[in-house]
Amino acid sequence: HPGQRSRARKLQYIAALEKTVVLLQDAGLQLAFRAASLARKHAALRIENDSLKLELVRMMKEKFILDGEYQSLKKEMERARAG
């Protein structure tokens, strides 16, 4: 009987290990899926960020031009008032 109990405990231990392996494999698959999803989101956000940076540069150039025009008009107005 002791040998039989020992074999039964070994079988239970092996079954528990197999269950743990299955659970860990499932967790690994879920993490892999989540990692892939996050990688896709990261790529999309990187593209959006690059687009926004380009838009910012364009707007800064436009502001620079408008500031120059404003200063030019301001000087012209001051000359008109003085003259």
C-alpha atoms as a PDB file:
ATOM      1  CA  HIS A   1       0.000   0.000   0.000  1.00  0.00           C
ATOM      2  CA  PRO A   2       2.770   2.569   0.643  1.00  0.00           C
ATOM      3  CA  GLY A   3       4.018   2.128  -2.926  1.00  0.00           C
ATOM      4  CA  GLN A   4       0.510   2.608  -4.234  1.00  0.00           C
ATOM      5  CA  ARG A   5       0.094   5.841  -2.221  1.00  0.00           C
ATOM      6  CA  SER A   6       3.469   7.069  -3.472  1.00  0.00           C
ATOM      7  CA  ARG A   7       2.475   6.446  -7.085  1.00  0.00           C
ATOM      8  CA  ALA A   8      -0.876   8.163  -6.511  1.00  0.00           C
ATOM      9  CA  ARG A   9       0.907  11.219  -5.024  1.00  0.00           C
ATOM     10  CA  LYS A  10       3.294  11.275  -8.000  1.00  0.00           C
ATOM     11  CA  LEU A  11       0.352  11.167 -10.407  1.00  0.00           C
ATOM     12  CA  GLN A  12      -1.356  13.996  -8.522  1.00  0.00           C
ATOM     13  CA  TYR A  13       1.885  15.988  -8.560  1.00  0.00           C
ATOM     14  CA  ILE A  14       2.302  15.429 -12.301  1.00  0.00           C
ATOM     15  CA  ALA A  15      -1.348  16.385 -12.935  1.00  0.00           C
ATOM     16  CA  ALA A  16      -0.858  19.578 -10.918  1.00  0.00           C
ATOM     17  CA  LEU A  17       2.303  20.394 -12.892  1.00  0.00           C
ATOM     18  CA  GLU A  18       0.507  19.772 -16.183  1.00  0.00           C
ATOM     19  CA  LYS A  19      -2.320  22.072 -15.069  1.00  0.00           C
ATOM     20  CA  THR A  20       0.231  24.733 -14.126  1.00  0.00           C
ATOM     21  CA  VAL A  21       1.897  24.380 -17.537  1.00  0.00           C
ATOM     22  CA  VAL A  22      -1.435  24.852 -19.308  1.00  0.00           C
ATOM     23  CA  LEU A  23      -2.245  27.919 -17.186  1.00  0.00           C
ATOM     24  CA  LEU A  24       1.176  29.428 -17.836  1.00  0.00           C
ATOM     25  CA  GLN A  25       0.884  28.741 -21.570  1.00  0.00           C
ATOM     26  CA  ASP A  26      -2.505  30.479 -21.611  1.00  0.00           C
ATOM     27  CA  ALA A  27      -1.056  33.426 -19.699  1.00  0.00           C
ATOM     28  CA  GLY A  28       1.848  33.554 -22.160  1.00  0.00           C
ATOM     29  CA  LEU A  29      -0.543  33.633 -25.118  1.00  0.00           C
ATOM     30  CA  GLN A  30      -2.588  36.397 -23.514  1.00  0.00           C
ATOM     31  CA  LEU A  31       0.550  38.416 -22.837  1.00  0.00           C
ATOM     32  CA  ALA A  32       1.784  37.889 -26.384  1.00  0.00           C
ATOM     33  CA  PHE A  33      -1.567  39.081 -27.738  1.00  0.00           C
ATOM     34  CA  ARG A  34      -1.487  42.131 -25.448  1.00  0.00           C
ATOM     35  CA  ALA A  35       2.113  42.895 -26.437  1.00  0.00           C
ATOM     36  CA  ALA A  36       1.182  42.744 -30.131  1.00  0.00           C
ATOM     37  CA  SER A  37      -1.795  45.006 -29.514  1.00  0.00           C
ATOM     38  CA  LEU A  38       0.351  47.504 -27.619  1.00  0.00           C
ATOM     39  CA  ALA A  39       2.972  47.408 -30.375  1.00  0.00           C
ATOM     40  CA  ARG A  40       0.284  48.288 -32.942  1.00  0.00           C
ATOM     41  CA  LYS A  41      -0.963  51.142 -30.756  1.00  0.00           C
ATOM     42  CA  HIS A  42       2.611  52.346 -30.272  1.00  0.00           C
ATOM     43  CA  ALA A  43       3.185  52.401 -34.026  1.00  0.00           C
ATOM     44  CA  ALA A  44      -0.059  54.297 -34.612  1.00  0.00           C
ATOM     45  CA  LEU A  45       0.807  56.828 -31.915  1.00  0.00           C
ATOM     46  CA  ARG A  46       4.303  57.266 -33.329  1.00  0.00           C
ATOM     47  CA  ILE A  47       2.820  58.056 -36.750  1.00  0.00           C
ATOM     48  CA  GLU A  48       0.353  60.486 -35.179  1.00  0.00           C
ATOM     49  CA  ASN A  49       3.154  62.110 -33.172  1.00  0.00           C
ATOM     50  CA  ASP A  50       5.291  62.554 -36.296  1.00  0.00           C
ATOM     51  CA  SER A  51       2.323  64.090 -38.100  1.00  0.00           C
ATOM     52  CA  LEU A  52       1.696  66.495 -35.224  1.00  0.00           C
ATOM     53  CA  LYS A  53       5.371  67.481 -35.169  1.00  0.00           C
ATOM     54  CA  LEU A  54       5.203  68.328 -38.870  1.00  0.00           C
ATOM     55  CA  GLU A  55       2.023  70.331 -38.288  1.00  0.00           C
ATOM     56  CA  LEU A  56       3.733  72.201 -35.445  1.00  0.00           C
ATOM     57  CA  VAL A  57       6.707  73.081 -37.657  1.00  0.00           C
ATOM     58  CA  ARG A  58       4.343  74.290 -40.384  1.00  0.00           C
ATOM     59  CA  MET A  59       2.433  76.442 -37.897  1.00  0.00           C
ATOM     60  CA  MET A  60       5.645  77.883 -36.443  1.00  0.00           C
ATOM     61  CA  LYS A  61       6.791  78.875 -39.948  1.00  0.00           C
ATOM     62  CA  GLU A  62       3.407  80.448 -40.625  1.00  0.00           C
ATOM     63  CA  LYS A  63       3.589  82.342 -37.316  1.00  0.00           C
ATOM     64  CA  PHE A  64       7.081  83.568 -38.173  1.00  0.00           C
ATOM     65  CA  ILE A  65       5.811  84.894 -41.499  1.00  0.00           C
ATOM     66  CA  LEU A  66       2.754  86.508 -39.904  1.00  0.00           C
ATOM     67  CA  ASP A  67       4.914  88.078 -37.181  1.00  0.00           C
ATOM     68  CA  GLY A  68       7.134  89.550 -39.890  1.00  0.00           C
ATOM     69  CA  GLU A  69       4.118  90.915 -41.761  1.00  0.00           C
ATOM     70  CA  TYR A  70       2.737  92.348 -38.522  1.00  0.00           C
ATOM     71  CA  GLN A  71       6.012  94.103 -37.719  1.00  0.00           C
ATOM     72  CA  SER A  72       6.204  95.470 -41.268  1.00  0.00           C
ATOM     73  CA  LEU A  73       2.645  96.801 -41.101  1.00  0.00           C
ATOM     74  CA  LYS A  74       3.270  98.229 -37.646  1.00  0.00           C
ATOM     75  CA  LYS A  75       6.340 100.145 -38.903  1.00  0.00           C
ATOM     76  CA  GLU A  76       4.399 101.349 -41.940  1.00  0.00           C
ATOM     77  CA  MET A  77       1.591 102.563 -39.707  1.00  0.00           C
ATOM     78  CA  GLU A  78       4.051 104.379 -37.430  1.00  0.00           C
ATOM     79  CA  ARG A  79       5.633 106.077 -40.465  1.00  0.00           C
ATOM     80  CA  ALA A  80       2.202 107.070 -41.739  1.00  0.00           C
ATOM     81  CA  ARG A  81       1.309 108.601 -38.370  1.00  0.00           C
ATOM     82  CA  ALA A  82       4.640 110.417 -38.187  1.00  0.00           C
ATOM     83  CA  GLY A  83       4.505 111.654 -41.747  1.00  0.00           C
END
